[in-house]
């Protein structure tokens, strides 16, 4: 009797183990199938690539695609592939996705449509902010996502002034209300629908940022040049130039003498230009109206070299701040420029 009971218990144990093994095998098969599905669910997959590559080549030859895509089948294909991942049909992808400063972006209405189509989106409300005279001075965007509390973001003319956007004119002069609305929309949607937007920005906003920073050209500075040589090469300063006479208060900052150069070399060891993070917090007590510090001046020139800016691009960036050389920047302007350069 005891032998039969032991045999039965052993058989039950084996059966239970076999069931557990079968369950684990099933879960493994499901996981592998999901991975394959994700890999195949892309226009870059072997099953879809050839067909859509031909479609992109054909569309690039037509006159019904935006000018930026004409004659560029590779760009058309990438826009189609990105739109596919976002759930857009081909036609909408080519109309709503734009490449700005090397980044695929969505036009404001396309970003709104993407968020509204999210299954958890309950409402997106955009309202103007007005003053006592009923003039629009800002916009407020309220996003309500299922399971979340209402999320409110505002962007006002004061914010635009602080960011230096109104100085640029262009669309900010022609359509200030629309740009305020786009800024508020971008802030709110990127906060609450990051999973749907996948890091994509609004094209209107990216275009504004691109007018200040453009890093498409290469600066001609030898890799073996010293820190001082790089600085002088970039901003075009020579020992005999009259710039120092015109700006005596800045000449000591720009034209480093041998002693200063020795100090810089000792502290920095003529280190290679890198992308290491720059600590801006140590400048918080510095007055915004003070002139640029030596550290900020050197850091900006390092970033110009690192980001491959040539003289034309440097001039373009400095014109935004209404200065002709890096040495003329204020402390506030220098911090902002450093922040923008480090984001490239």
Protein backbone atom coordinates (compact mmCIF):
# COMPACT_ATOMS: atom_id res chain seq x y z
CA UNK A 1 0.00 0.00 0.00
CA UNK A 2 2.77 2.39 0.92
CA UNK A 3 4.62 1.53 -2.28
CA UNK A 4 1.57 2.31 -4.42
CA UNK A 5 1.07 5.64 -2.62
CA UNK A 6 4.70 6.62 -3.15
CA UNK A 7 4.48 5.71 -6.84
CA UNK A 8 1.31 7.82 -7.24
CA UNK A 9 2.89 10.82 -5.53
CA UNK A 10 5.95 10.52 -7.77
CA UNK A 11 3.76 10.42 -10.88
CA UNK A 12 1.87 13.52 -9.70
CA UNK A 13 5.15 15.36 -9.13
CA UNK A 14 6.41 14.48 -12.62
CA UNK A 15 3.10 15.56 -14.18
CA UNK A 16 3.22 18.89 -12.33
CA UNK A 17 6.79 19.50 -13.49
CA UNK A 18 5.85 18.66 -17.07
CA UNK A 19 2.96 21.15 -16.92
CA UNK A 20 5.29 23.85 -15.59
CA UNK A 21 7.77 23.14 -18.39
CA UNK A 22 5.00 23.35 -21.01
CA UNK A 23 3.79 26.63 -19.50
CA UNK A 24 7.29 28.10 -19.61
CA UNK A 25 7.73 26.98 -23.23
CA UNK A 26 4.46 28.65 -24.17
CA UNK A 27 5.47 31.93 -22.50
CA UNK A 28 8.83 31.79 -24.28
CA UNK A 29 7.13 31.29 -27.65
CA UNK A 30 4.82 34.24 -26.98
CA UNK A 31 7.75 36.47 -26.04
CA UNK A 32 9.71 35.47 -29.14
CA UNK A 33 6.67 36.05 -31.33
CA UNK A 34 6.22 39.53 -29.85
CA UNK A 35 9.87 40.39 -30.56
CA UNK A 36 9.58 39.19 -34.14
CA UNK A 37 6.36 41.18 -34.56
CA UNK A 38 8.03 44.37 -33.34
CA UNK A 39 10.98 43.85 -35.68
CA UNK A 40 8.73 43.10 -38.63
CA UNK A 41 6.35 45.96 -37.85
CA UNK A 42 8.53 48.52 -39.60
CA UNK A 43 9.07 49.72 -43.15
CA UNK A 44 12.71 48.74 -42.66
CA UNK A 45 11.77 45.06 -42.25
CA UNK A 46 12.76 42.68 -45.10
CA UNK A 47 9.11 42.01 -45.89
CA UNK A 48 8.20 45.69 -46.41
CA UNK A 49 11.39 47.52 -47.33
CA UNK A 50 11.61 46.77 -51.07
CA UNK A 51 8.02 47.73 -51.79
CA UNK A 52 8.02 51.01 -49.87
CA UNK A 53 11.47 51.94 -51.15
CA UNK A 54 10.02 51.82 -54.66
CA UNK A 55 7.03 53.87 -53.49
CA UNK A 56 9.38 56.49 -52.02
CA UNK A 57 11.39 56.67 -55.26
CA UNK A 58 8.21 57.21 -57.24
CA UNK A 59 6.79 59.85 -54.87
CA UNK A 60 10.05 61.82 -54.87
CA UNK A 61 9.59 62.39 -58.61
CA UNK A 62 6.09 63.86 -58.30
CA UNK A 63 4.90 67.41 -57.71
CA UNK A 64 2.44 66.50 -54.94
CA UNK A 65 5.05 66.14 -52.18
CA UNK A 66 6.51 69.13 -50.28
CA UNK A 67 9.46 70.80 -51.99
CA UNK A 68 11.83 69.57 -49.28
CA UNK A 69 11.12 65.95 -50.37
CA UNK A 70 11.35 66.40 -54.15
CA UNK A 71 14.21 64.41 -55.61
CA UNK A 72 15.05 62.93 -52.21
CA UNK A 73 13.65 59.36 -52.09
CA UNK A 74 15.69 58.55 -48.98
CA UNK A 75 14.07 61.40 -47.04
CA UNK A 76 10.65 60.38 -48.32
CA UNK A 77 11.23 56.81 -47.13
CA UNK A 78 12.35 57.90 -43.65
CA UNK A 79 9.31 60.19 -43.33
CA UNK A 80 7.06 57.31 -44.40
CA UNK A 81 8.74 54.95 -41.90
CA UNK A 82 8.39 57.40 -39.04
CA UNK A 83 4.78 58.09 -39.94
CA UNK A 84 4.14 54.34 -40.03
CA UNK A 85 5.38 53.98 -36.44
CA UNK A 86 3.17 56.89 -35.39
CA UNK A 87 0.13 55.35 -37.08
CA UNK A 88 -0.03 57.83 -39.99
CA UNK A 89 -0.88 56.81 -43.55
CA UNK A 90 1.73 57.67 -46.19
CA UNK A 91 -0.13 60.74 -47.42
CA UNK A 92 -0.36 62.25 -43.94
CA UNK A 93 3.25 61.39 -43.13
CA UNK A 94 4.59 63.40 -46.06
CA UNK A 95 2.37 66.37 -45.26
CA UNK A 96 2.77 66.46 -41.47
CA UNK A 97 6.41 65.41 -41.01
CA UNK A 98 9.12 67.96 -41.79
CA UNK A 99 12.89 67.80 -41.39
CA UNK A 100 14.13 70.87 -39.51
CA UNK A 101 17.79 71.27 -38.58
CA UNK A 102 18.34 67.57 -39.23
CA UNK A 103 15.46 66.44 -37.00
CA UNK A 104 12.13 64.93 -38.11
CA UNK A 105 9.36 67.08 -36.64
CA UNK A 106 5.58 67.31 -36.81
CA UNK A 107 3.72 70.45 -37.77
CA UNK A 108 1.61 71.73 -34.86
CA UNK A 109 -1.71 70.42 -36.16
CA UNK A 110 -0.21 66.99 -36.83
CA UNK A 111 1.08 66.80 -33.26
CA UNK A 112 -2.38 67.70 -31.97
CA UNK A 113 -4.01 65.06 -34.18
CA UNK A 114 -1.60 62.42 -32.88
CA UNK A 115 -2.38 63.23 -29.25
CA UNK A 116 -6.15 63.36 -29.86
CA UNK A 117 -6.06 59.91 -31.44
CA UNK A 118 -4.47 58.40 -28.33
CA UNK A 119 -6.94 56.01 -26.61
CA UNK A 120 -6.35 57.66 -23.23
CA UNK A 121 -6.85 61.24 -24.44
CA UNK A 122 -10.04 62.67 -22.96
CA UNK A 123 -9.67 66.32 -23.92
CA UNK A 124 -7.23 69.00 -25.05
CA UNK A 125 -8.40 72.56 -24.45
CA UNK A 126 -6.54 75.64 -25.70
CA UNK A 127 -7.57 79.07 -24.47
CA UNK A 128 -6.07 82.53 -25.02
CA UNK A 129 -4.91 84.59 -22.05
CA UNK A 130 -5.98 88.25 -22.36
CA UNK A 131 -5.23 91.49 -20.54
CA UNK A 132 -7.65 94.17 -19.35
CA UNK A 133 -8.01 95.48 -22.92
CA UNK A 134 -8.78 92.01 -24.28
CA UNK A 135 -5.43 91.78 -26.04
CA UNK A 136 -3.99 88.28 -26.25
CA UNK A 137 -0.88 88.10 -24.08
CA UNK A 138 -0.50 84.33 -23.92
CA UNK A 139 -2.05 80.90 -24.37
CA UNK A 140 -3.02 78.14 -21.99
CA UNK A 141 -3.26 74.46 -22.94
CA UNK A 142 -5.08 72.03 -20.63
CA UNK A 143 -4.63 68.32 -21.26
CA UNK A 144 -6.77 65.64 -19.63
CA UNK A 145 -5.55 62.07 -19.94
CA UNK A 146 -7.44 59.10 -18.55
CA UNK A 147 -6.21 58.25 -15.07
CA UNK A 148 -4.32 61.55 -14.74
CA UNK A 149 -5.18 64.90 -13.21
CA UNK A 150 -5.64 67.88 -15.60
CA UNK A 151 -2.29 69.18 -16.82
CA UNK A 152 -2.02 72.91 -17.59
CA UNK A 153 0.78 74.71 -19.41
CA UNK A 154 0.96 78.41 -20.25
CA UNK A 155 3.18 80.47 -22.52
CA UNK A 156 2.97 84.27 -22.43
CA UNK A 157 4.50 87.24 -24.17
CA UNK A 158 6.64 87.71 -21.08
CA UNK A 159 7.99 84.18 -21.53
CA UNK A 160 8.68 84.94 -25.20
CA UNK A 161 10.49 88.15 -24.26
CA UNK A 162 12.62 86.36 -21.68
CA UNK A 163 13.54 83.70 -24.25
CA UNK A 164 14.47 86.36 -26.80
CA UNK A 165 11.86 85.17 -29.31
CA UNK A 166 10.28 88.56 -30.01
CA UNK A 167 13.61 89.98 -31.17
CA UNK A 168 13.66 87.66 -34.15
CA UNK A 169 10.63 89.16 -35.82
CA UNK A 170 9.32 86.98 -38.65
CA UNK A 171 6.38 84.83 -37.57
CA UNK A 172 6.49 86.31 -34.08
CA UNK A 173 5.74 89.72 -35.57
CA UNK A 174 3.19 88.45 -38.09
CA UNK A 175 1.41 85.76 -36.02
CA UNK A 176 2.25 86.21 -32.32
CA UNK A 177 -0.98 84.55 -31.10
CA UNK A 178 -0.39 81.46 -33.20
CA UNK A 179 3.18 81.08 -31.95
CA UNK A 180 2.07 81.48 -28.33
CA UNK A 181 -0.49 78.75 -28.94
CA UNK A 182 2.12 76.41 -30.46
CA UNK A 183 4.49 76.91 -27.54
CA UNK A 184 1.83 76.17 -24.92
CA UNK A 185 0.61 73.15 -26.92
CA UNK A 186 4.10 71.72 -27.26
CA UNK A 187 4.84 72.00 -23.55
CA UNK A 188 1.57 70.36 -22.50
CA UNK A 189 1.50 67.52 -25.04
CA UNK A 190 5.14 66.58 -24.61
CA UNK A 191 4.59 66.32 -20.84
CA UNK A 192 1.49 64.09 -20.94
CA UNK A 193 1.82 62.13 -24.21
CA UNK A 194 5.54 61.39 -24.39
CA UNK A 195 4.74 57.75 -25.21
CA UNK A 196 2.72 58.75 -28.28
CA UNK A 197 4.99 61.56 -29.50
CA UNK A 198 8.20 59.52 -29.10
CA UNK A 199 10.31 62.63 -28.64
CA UNK A 200 9.08 64.39 -31.79
CA UNK A 201 8.97 68.18 -31.56
CA UNK A 202 6.73 70.76 -33.21
CA UNK A 203 8.22 71.94 -36.51
CA UNK A 204 7.26 75.58 -35.96
CA UNK A 205 9.26 75.66 -32.73
CA UNK A 206 12.24 73.74 -34.10
CA UNK A 207 12.44 76.23 -36.97
CA UNK A 208 12.72 79.09 -34.47
CA UNK A 209 15.58 77.39 -32.64
CA UNK A 210 17.30 76.62 -35.94
CA UNK A 211 17.50 80.31 -36.83
CA UNK A 212 19.91 80.82 -33.92
CA UNK A 213 21.99 77.63 -34.06
CA UNK A 214 23.00 75.96 -37.33
CA UNK A 215 25.92 73.50 -37.26
CA UNK A 216 26.14 72.23 -40.83
CA UNK A 217 29.56 73.64 -41.79
CA UNK A 218 33.06 72.73 -40.64
CA UNK A 219 35.51 75.17 -39.12
CA UNK A 220 39.11 75.05 -40.34
CA UNK A 221 41.13 74.79 -37.13
CA UNK A 222 44.02 72.31 -36.84
CA UNK A 223 43.43 69.58 -34.28
CA UNK A 224 46.89 70.26 -32.82
CA UNK A 225 46.24 73.96 -32.23
CA UNK A 226 46.48 75.21 -28.65
CA UNK A 227 43.45 76.50 -26.76
CA UNK A 228 44.51 80.11 -27.35
CA UNK A 229 45.13 79.52 -31.06
CA UNK A 230 41.69 77.97 -31.43
CA UNK A 231 40.08 80.91 -29.68
CA UNK A 232 41.87 83.47 -31.85
CA UNK A 233 41.18 81.51 -35.03
CA UNK A 234 37.47 81.27 -34.34
CA UNK A 235 36.72 84.87 -33.46
CA UNK A 236 39.29 86.31 -35.88
CA UNK A 237 41.44 88.12 -33.32
CA UNK A 238 45.11 88.90 -34.06
CA UNK A 239 47.57 90.72 -31.88
CA UNK A 240 47.71 93.69 -34.25
CA UNK A 241 43.97 94.10 -34.90
CA UNK A 242 42.22 97.29 -33.89
CA UNK A 243 39.40 95.44 -32.14
CA UNK A 244 41.20 95.70 -28.81
CA UNK A 245 41.51 99.46 -29.22
CA UNK A 246 37.80 99.81 -29.95
CA UNK A 247 36.86 97.62 -26.98
CA UNK A 248 39.59 98.12 -24.36
CA UNK A 249 37.42 96.64 -21.60
CA UNK A 250 37.24 93.35 -23.51
CA UNK A 251 40.77 93.15 -24.90
CA UNK A 252 42.19 91.53 -21.79
CA UNK A 253 39.59 88.79 -22.07
CA UNK A 254 40.10 88.06 -25.76
CA UNK A 255 43.82 88.56 -26.24
CA UNK A 256 45.46 86.15 -23.80
CA UNK A 257 49.06 87.01 -22.97
CA UNK A 258 51.76 84.45 -22.37
CA UNK A 259 51.22 84.40 -18.62
CA UNK A 260 47.47 83.85 -18.96
CA UNK A 261 48.05 81.16 -21.56
CA UNK A 262 50.43 79.38 -19.21
CA UNK A 263 47.79 79.44 -16.47
CA UNK A 264 45.17 78.07 -18.83
CA UNK A 265 47.53 75.35 -20.04
CA UNK A 266 48.43 74.39 -16.47
CA UNK A 267 44.79 74.16 -15.36
CA UNK A 268 43.43 72.51 -18.47
CA UNK A 269 46.55 70.73 -19.75
CA UNK A 270 45.61 71.81 -23.29
CA UNK A 271 42.96 69.16 -23.07
CA UNK A 272 41.12 67.92 -26.16
CA UNK A 273 37.79 69.56 -26.89
CA UNK A 274 35.09 67.28 -25.45
CA UNK A 275 31.36 67.28 -24.92
CA UNK A 276 31.50 67.17 -21.15
CA UNK A 277 28.63 68.79 -19.30
CA UNK A 278 29.10 72.45 -18.39
CA UNK A 279 28.13 73.57 -14.91
CA UNK A 280 25.90 76.63 -15.23
CA UNK A 281 24.81 76.71 -11.60
CA UNK A 282 28.06 78.33 -10.48
CA UNK A 283 27.05 81.43 -12.45
CA UNK A 284 23.66 81.96 -10.84
CA UNK A 285 24.93 84.73 -8.59
CA UNK A 286 26.57 86.59 -11.44
CA UNK A 287 24.69 89.68 -12.65
CA UNK A 288 22.99 89.28 -16.02
CA UNK A 289 24.38 92.64 -17.11
CA UNK A 290 28.00 91.78 -16.31
CA UNK A 291 30.37 91.06 -19.17
CA UNK A 292 31.17 87.52 -20.19
CA UNK A 293 33.52 85.69 -17.85
CA UNK A 294 36.81 84.14 -18.95
CA UNK A 295 35.43 80.65 -18.29
CA UNK A 296 32.33 81.27 -20.39
CA UNK A 297 34.39 82.79 -23.20
CA UNK A 298 36.68 79.77 -23.38
CA UNK A 299 33.74 77.34 -23.10
CA UNK A 300 31.85 78.99 -25.99
CA UNK A 301 34.88 78.80 -28.24
CA UNK A 302 35.39 75.16 -27.26
CA UNK A 303 31.80 74.43 -28.25
CA UNK A 304 32.16 76.29 -31.56
CA UNK A 305 35.05 73.98 -32.41
CA UNK A 306 33.34 70.87 -31.07
CA UNK A 307 30.11 71.57 -32.97
CA UNK A 308 31.99 72.35 -36.21
CA UNK A 309 31.01 76.01 -36.62
CA UNK A 310 32.79 78.01 -39.30
CA UNK A 311 33.09 81.81 -39.28
CA UNK A 312 29.84 82.27 -41.18
CA UNK A 313 27.87 80.19 -38.68
CA UNK A 314 29.51 81.92 -35.73
CA UNK A 315 28.63 85.32 -37.17
CA UNK A 316 25.05 84.21 -37.67
CA UNK A 317 24.75 83.04 -34.06
CA UNK A 318 26.30 86.23 -32.68
CA UNK A 319 24.05 88.45 -34.81
CA UNK A 320 21.11 87.02 -32.92
CA UNK A 321 22.51 88.63 -29.77
CA UNK A 322 23.32 91.84 -31.65
CA UNK A 323 27.08 91.56 -31.04
CA UNK A 324 30.00 91.22 -33.42
CA UNK A 325 32.27 89.08 -31.25
CA UNK A 326 31.98 86.58 -28.43
CA UNK A 327 33.72 88.98 -26.05
CA UNK A 328 30.83 91.44 -26.33
CA UNK A 329 28.25 89.00 -24.93
CA UNK A 330 26.73 89.68 -21.53
CA UNK A 331 26.83 87.04 -18.81
CA UNK A 332 23.17 86.16 -19.43
CA UNK A 333 23.65 85.89 -23.20
CA UNK A 334 26.74 83.73 -22.73
CA UNK A 335 24.90 81.28 -20.47
CA UNK A 336 22.05 80.98 -22.94
CA UNK A 337 24.36 80.44 -25.92
CA UNK A 338 26.29 77.75 -24.02
CA UNK A 339 23.05 75.99 -23.17
CA UNK A 340 21.90 76.05 -26.81
CA UNK A 341 25.26 74.81 -28.13
CA UNK A 342 25.40 71.92 -25.67
CA UNK A 343 21.98 70.70 -26.83
CA UNK A 344 23.18 70.19 -30.43
